[in-house]
Structures are given as structure tokens and as C-alpha cells.
Amino acid sequence: MQRLTLDPYVFDVLMRHLTGHDRRPSAFLVYLMLWWKEARGETMALSLQQLADATGLSKSAVQDALRLLTRRQLVRARRHSPTAVPEYVLLRPWMR
């Protein structure tokens, strides 16, 4: 089993902000899933359905979570065309 090392900020601050203040625990789950995939070197080009299957959330919950994460500048989505599956980039603004 592979271990994942998380920045303490993720649990000390981000978890409380996303689950408590923003009342979006789904955003925290999606962020953790993207972090896990990035840490394992897996592709970050994921459809809403793939993220929903990986987290156990509905597609609409994943979509809302990604909207919040993008607004909070924690995730950026890049598309090669308007209908392409987005490739996600995790942002860590606290590491500046």
C-alpha cells in the first residue's frame, strides 16, 4: 500500500474551511482525490463521471465541488477544446 504525504495545511486549515465555513465536504473529498492522483503520477484528465466514481459522489456534487475549488483558486482546469475532458492542476496558494 502506497502512503500519501499531505501538507499539514490541508488538514489544519483547508478541511475546516471547505467543510465548516463553505459547508462543502464534497469539495474536500474532490481535492483529496486529485491530490492522491497527482501524488501517484496518474493522469489528471478526468471527467465528472470519473471523479464521481472515484469519490462516491454524484456528478452534480463533483461539479459544485470543482466550481468552489476553482473559485477558491485551489484547482485549475485546462481544456484543449470546449468539449474535451478537462485536465486538472492542483494549486497550493499557501506555499507561495
C-alpha atoms as a PDB file:
ATOM      1  CA  MET A   1       0.000   0.000   0.000  1.00  0.00           C
ATOM      2  CA  GLN A   2       1.350   3.390  -1.023  1.00  0.00           C
ATOM      3  CA  ARG A   3       1.384   6.231   1.514  1.00  0.00           C
ATOM      4  CA  LEU A   4       0.378   9.768   0.729  1.00  0.00           C
ATOM      5  CA  THR A   5       2.053  12.675   2.465  1.00  0.00           C
ATOM      6  CA  LEU A   6      -0.175  15.707   2.813  1.00  0.00           C
ATOM      7  CA  ASP A   7       0.806  19.212   3.672  1.00  0.00           C
ATOM      8  CA  PRO A   8      -0.393  19.931   7.255  1.00  0.00           C
ATOM      9  CA  TYR A   9      -2.270  22.964   5.905  1.00  0.00           C
ATOM     10  CA  VAL A  10      -4.698  20.609   4.144  1.00  0.00           C
ATOM     11  CA  PHE A  11      -5.995  19.219   7.447  1.00  0.00           C
ATOM     12  CA  ASP A  12      -5.248  22.142   9.769  1.00  0.00           C
ATOM     13  CA  VAL A  13      -6.958  24.808   7.672  1.00  0.00           C
ATOM     14  CA  LEU A  14      -8.380  23.683   4.344  1.00  0.00           C
ATOM     15  CA  MET A  15     -10.566  20.890   5.740  1.00  0.00           C
ATOM     16  CA  ARG A  16     -12.230  23.251   8.239  1.00  0.00           C
ATOM     17  CA  HIS A  17     -12.738  25.946   5.603  1.00  0.00           C
ATOM     18  CA  LEU A  18     -14.275  23.662   2.998  1.00  0.00           C
ATOM     19  CA  THR A  19     -16.380  21.512   5.323  1.00  0.00           C
ATOM     20  CA  GLY A  20     -17.243  24.058   8.019  1.00  0.00           C
ATOM     21  CA  HIS A  21     -17.198  27.556   6.583  1.00  0.00           C
ATOM     22  CA  ASP A  22     -18.190  26.722   2.997  1.00  0.00           C
ATOM     23  CA  ARG A  23     -20.289  23.705   4.012  1.00  0.00           C
ATOM     24  CA  ARG A  24     -18.954  21.691   1.088  1.00  0.00           C
ATOM     25  CA  PRO A  25     -17.348  18.477   2.343  1.00  0.00           C
ATOM     26  CA  SER A  26     -17.587  17.236  -1.242  1.00  0.00           C
ATOM     27  CA  ALA A  27     -15.016  19.873  -2.237  1.00  0.00           C
ATOM     28  CA  PHE A  28     -12.591  18.490   0.332  1.00  0.00           C
ATOM     29  CA  LEU A  29     -13.107  14.929  -0.978  1.00  0.00           C
ATOM     30  CA  VAL A  30     -12.529  16.000  -4.571  1.00  0.00           C
ATOM     31  CA  TYR A  31      -9.400  17.943  -3.577  1.00  0.00           C
ATOM     32  CA  LEU A  32      -8.030  14.883  -1.735  1.00  0.00           C
ATOM     33  CA  MET A  33      -8.772  12.627  -4.701  1.00  0.00           C
ATOM     34  CA  LEU A  34      -6.971  14.971  -7.082  1.00  0.00           C
ATOM     35  CA  TRP A  35      -4.024  15.197  -4.664  1.00  0.00           C
ATOM     36  CA  TRP A  36      -3.896  11.379  -4.492  1.00  0.00           C
ATOM     37  CA  LYS A  37      -3.920  11.015  -8.266  1.00  0.00           C
ATOM     38  CA  GLU A  38      -1.227  13.666  -8.656  1.00  0.00           C
ATOM     39  CA  ALA A  39       0.969  12.052  -5.972  1.00  0.00           C
ATOM     40  CA  ARG A  40       0.726   8.692  -7.730  1.00  0.00           C
ATOM     41  CA  GLY A  41       1.630  10.234 -11.087  1.00  0.00           C
ATOM     42  CA  GLU A  42      -1.749   9.336 -12.582  1.00  0.00           C
ATOM     43  CA  THR A  43      -3.455  11.337 -15.277  1.00  0.00           C
ATOM     44  CA  MET A  44      -5.257  14.433 -14.114  1.00  0.00           C
ATOM     45  CA  ALA A  45      -7.508  14.464 -17.196  1.00  0.00           C
ATOM     46  CA  LEU A  46     -10.730  13.281 -15.582  1.00  0.00           C
ATOM     47  CA  SER A  47     -14.373  13.557 -16.486  1.00  0.00           C
ATOM     48  CA  LEU A  48     -17.016  14.445 -13.921  1.00  0.00           C
ATOM     49  CA  GLN A  49     -18.179  10.819 -14.019  1.00  0.00           C
ATOM     50  CA  GLN A  50     -14.673   9.508 -13.334  1.00  0.00           C
ATOM     51  CA  LEU A  51     -14.322  11.825 -10.339  1.00  0.00           C
ATOM     52  CA  ALA A  52     -17.806  10.893  -9.147  1.00  0.00           C
ATOM     53  CA  ASP A  53     -16.954   7.178  -9.351  1.00  0.00           C
ATOM     54  CA  ALA A  54     -13.624   7.712  -7.560  1.00  0.00           C
ATOM     55  CA  THR A  55     -15.153   9.696  -4.681  1.00  0.00           C
ATOM     56  CA  GLY A  56     -18.591   8.112  -4.387  1.00  0.00           C
ATOM     57  CA  LEU A  57     -20.245  11.492  -5.008  1.00  0.00           C
ATOM     58  CA  SER A  58     -22.832  12.378  -7.618  1.00  0.00           C
ATOM     59  CA  LYS A  59     -21.739  14.156 -10.791  1.00  0.00           C
ATOM     60  CA  SER A  60     -23.563  17.317  -9.705  1.00  0.00           C
ATOM     61  CA  ALA A  61     -21.800  17.241  -6.305  1.00  0.00           C
ATOM     62  CA  VAL A  62     -18.445  16.910  -8.078  1.00  0.00           C
ATOM     63  CA  GLN A  63     -19.358  19.763 -10.412  1.00  0.00           C
ATOM     64  CA  ASP A  64     -20.300  22.006  -7.466  1.00  0.00           C
ATOM     65  CA  ALA A  65     -17.104  20.999  -5.648  1.00  0.00           C
ATOM     66  CA  LEU A  66     -14.940  21.844  -8.659  1.00  0.00           C
ATOM     67  CA  ARG A  67     -16.719  25.173  -9.055  1.00  0.00           C
ATOM     68  CA  LEU A  68     -15.898  26.049  -5.430  1.00  0.00           C
ATOM     69  CA  LEU A  69     -12.307  24.784  -5.676  1.00  0.00           C
ATOM     70  CA  THR A  70     -11.785  26.841  -8.829  1.00  0.00           C
ATOM     71  CA  ARG A  71     -13.299  29.946  -7.227  1.00  0.00           C
ATOM     72  CA  ARG A  72     -11.062  29.463  -4.158  1.00  0.00           C
ATOM     73  CA  GLN A  73      -8.074  29.081  -6.531  1.00  0.00           C
ATOM     74  CA  LEU A  74      -7.268  25.577  -5.300  1.00  0.00           C
ATOM     75  CA  VAL A  75      -7.796  23.858  -8.663  1.00  0.00           C
ATOM     76  CA  ARG A  76      -7.456  24.969 -12.264  1.00  0.00           C
ATOM     77  CA  ALA A  77      -8.976  23.099 -15.185  1.00  0.00           C
ATOM     78  CA  ARG A  78      -7.399  23.192 -18.636  1.00  0.00           C
ATOM     79  CA  ARG A  79      -9.267  22.109 -21.751  1.00  0.00           C
ATOM     80  CA  HIS A  80      -7.749  21.603 -25.170  1.00  0.00           C
ATOM     81  CA  SER A  81     -11.147  22.185 -26.764  1.00  0.00           C
ATOM     82  CA  PRO A  82     -14.584  23.178 -25.432  1.00  0.00           C
ATOM     83  CA  THR A  83     -15.769  19.550 -25.337  1.00  0.00           C
ATOM     84  CA  ALA A  84     -12.509  17.948 -24.164  1.00  0.00           C
ATOM     85  CA  VAL A  85     -12.183  16.266 -20.785  1.00  0.00           C
ATOM     86  CA  PRO A  86     -10.508  18.827 -18.517  1.00  0.00           C
ATOM     87  CA  GLU A  87      -7.040  18.281 -17.121  1.00  0.00           C
ATOM     88  CA  TYR A  88      -6.869  19.457 -13.515  1.00  0.00           C
ATOM     89  CA  VAL A  89      -3.961  21.222 -11.871  1.00  0.00           C
ATOM     90  CA  LEU A  90      -3.818  21.429  -8.093  1.00  0.00           C
ATOM     91  CA  LEU A  91      -2.877  24.834  -6.807  1.00  0.00           C
ATOM     92  CA  ARG A  92      -1.353  25.423  -3.402  1.00  0.00           C
ATOM     93  CA  PRO A  93      -1.652  29.163  -2.756  1.00  0.00           C
ATOM     94  CA  TRP A  94      -0.389  28.767   0.815  1.00  0.00           C
ATOM     95  CA  MET A  95       3.033  27.670  -0.497  1.00  0.00           C
ATOM     96  CA  ARG A  96       3.843  30.957  -2.217  1.00  0.00           C
END
